Amino acid sequence: MKIHVEKLDKICIQPQLLLWMFSIHHHFIFYKIL
């Protein structure tokens, strides 16, 4: 049961991490253009 919860946690955290990484990358490109 605990393993299942950990897996769900990882699935929930991954999209947020990807979004966070994308936003940082997007800002970096934006600053480079400016």
N, C-alpha and C. Protein backbone atom coordinates (compact mmCIF):
# COMPACT_ATOMS: atom_id res chain seq x y z
N MET A 1 0.84 -1.20 0.00
CA MET A 1 0.00 0.00 0.00
C MET A 1 0.87 1.26 0.00
N LYS A 2 1.91 1.24 0.81
CA LYS A 2 2.79 2.41 0.90
C LYS A 2 3.50 2.67 -0.44
N ILE A 3 3.90 1.59 -1.09
CA ILE A 3 4.57 1.70 -2.40
C ILE A 3 3.62 2.34 -3.42
N HIS A 4 2.36 1.95 -3.37
CA HIS A 4 1.35 2.49 -4.29
C HIS A 4 1.18 4.00 -4.07
N VAL A 5 1.18 4.42 -2.82
CA VAL A 5 1.06 5.84 -2.47
C VAL A 5 2.28 6.61 -2.98
N GLU A 6 3.46 6.04 -2.81
CA GLU A 6 4.69 6.67 -3.29
C GLU A 6 4.67 6.83 -4.80
N LYS A 7 4.17 5.81 -5.49
CA LYS A 7 4.07 5.88 -6.95
C LYS A 7 3.11 6.98 -7.38
N LEU A 8 1.98 7.07 -6.69
CA LEU A 8 1.01 8.13 -6.98
C LEU A 8 1.62 9.50 -6.72
N ASP A 9 2.39 9.62 -5.67
CA ASP A 9 3.08 10.86 -5.32
C ASP A 9 4.03 11.28 -6.45
N LYS A 10 4.77 10.32 -6.96
CA LYS A 10 5.72 10.60 -8.04
C LYS A 10 4.99 11.04 -9.30
N ILE A 11 3.88 10.40 -9.59
CA ILE A 11 3.06 10.75 -10.77
C ILE A 11 2.50 12.17 -10.61
N CYS A 12 2.13 12.53 -9.40
CA CYS A 12 1.58 13.87 -9.13
C CYS A 12 2.68 14.94 -9.18
N ILE A 13 3.86 14.59 -8.71
CA ILE A 13 4.98 15.54 -8.65
C ILE A 13 5.60 15.75 -10.04
N GLN A 14 5.71 14.71 -10.83
CA GLN A 14 6.36 14.81 -12.15
C GLN A 14 5.80 15.91 -13.05
N PRO A 15 4.49 16.00 -13.29
CA PRO A 15 3.99 17.08 -14.14
C PRO A 15 4.33 18.47 -13.61
N GLN A 16 4.29 18.64 -12.29
CA GLN A 16 4.64 19.93 -11.69
C GLN A 16 6.11 20.25 -11.95
N LEU A 17 6.95 19.24 -11.84
CA LEU A 17 8.39 19.40 -12.08
C LEU A 17 8.63 19.76 -13.54
N LEU A 18 7.93 19.09 -14.44
CA LEU A 18 8.06 19.38 -15.87
C LEU A 18 7.59 20.80 -16.18
N LEU A 19 6.49 21.20 -15.58
CA LEU A 19 5.97 22.56 -15.75
C LEU A 19 6.97 23.59 -15.24
N TRP A 20 7.54 23.29 -14.06
CA TRP A 20 8.52 24.17 -13.44
C TRP A 20 9.77 24.30 -14.32
N MET A 21 10.24 23.17 -14.82
CA MET A 21 11.41 23.15 -15.71
C MET A 21 11.11 23.92 -16.99
N PHE A 22 9.93 23.73 -17.54
CA PHE A 22 9.52 24.41 -18.77
C PHE A 22 9.45 25.92 -18.55
N SER A 23 8.88 26.35 -17.43
CA SER A 23 8.76 27.78 -17.14
C SER A 23 10.13 28.43 -16.97
N ILE A 24 11.06 27.73 -16.33
CA ILE A 24 12.42 28.24 -16.16
C ILE A 24 13.10 28.34 -17.53
N HIS A 25 12.94 27.32 -18.35
CA HIS A 25 13.53 27.30 -19.69
C HIS A 25 12.93 28.43 -20.53
N HIS A 26 11.63 28.63 -20.41
CA HIS A 26 10.92 29.66 -21.15
C HIS A 26 11.42 31.05 -20.73
N HIS A 27 11.59 31.26 -19.45
CA HIS A 27 12.09 32.54 -18.94
C HIS A 27 13.52 32.78 -19.40
N PHE A 28 14.31 31.72 -19.42
CA PHE A 28 15.70 31.81 -19.86
C PHE A 28 15.78 32.26 -21.31
N ILE A 29 14.93 31.70 -22.16
CA ILE A 29 14.87 32.08 -23.57
C ILE A 29 14.41 33.53 -23.69
N PHE A 30 13.43 33.91 -22.90
CA PHE A 30 12.88 35.26 -22.92
C PHE A 30 13.95 36.29 -22.54
N TYR A 31 14.74 35.98 -21.52
CA TYR A 31 15.82 36.87 -21.10
C TYR A 31 16.92 36.95 -22.16
N LYS A 32 17.18 35.85 -22.84
CA LYS A 32 18.19 35.82 -23.90
C LYS A 32 17.76 36.71 -25.06
N ILE A 33 16.47 36.70 -25.38
CA ILE A 33 15.93 37.52 -26.46
C ILE A 33 16.04 39.01 -26.09
N LEU A 34 15.75 39.32 -24.85
CA LEU A 34 15.87 40.70 -24.35
C LEU A 34 17.34 41.04 -24.17
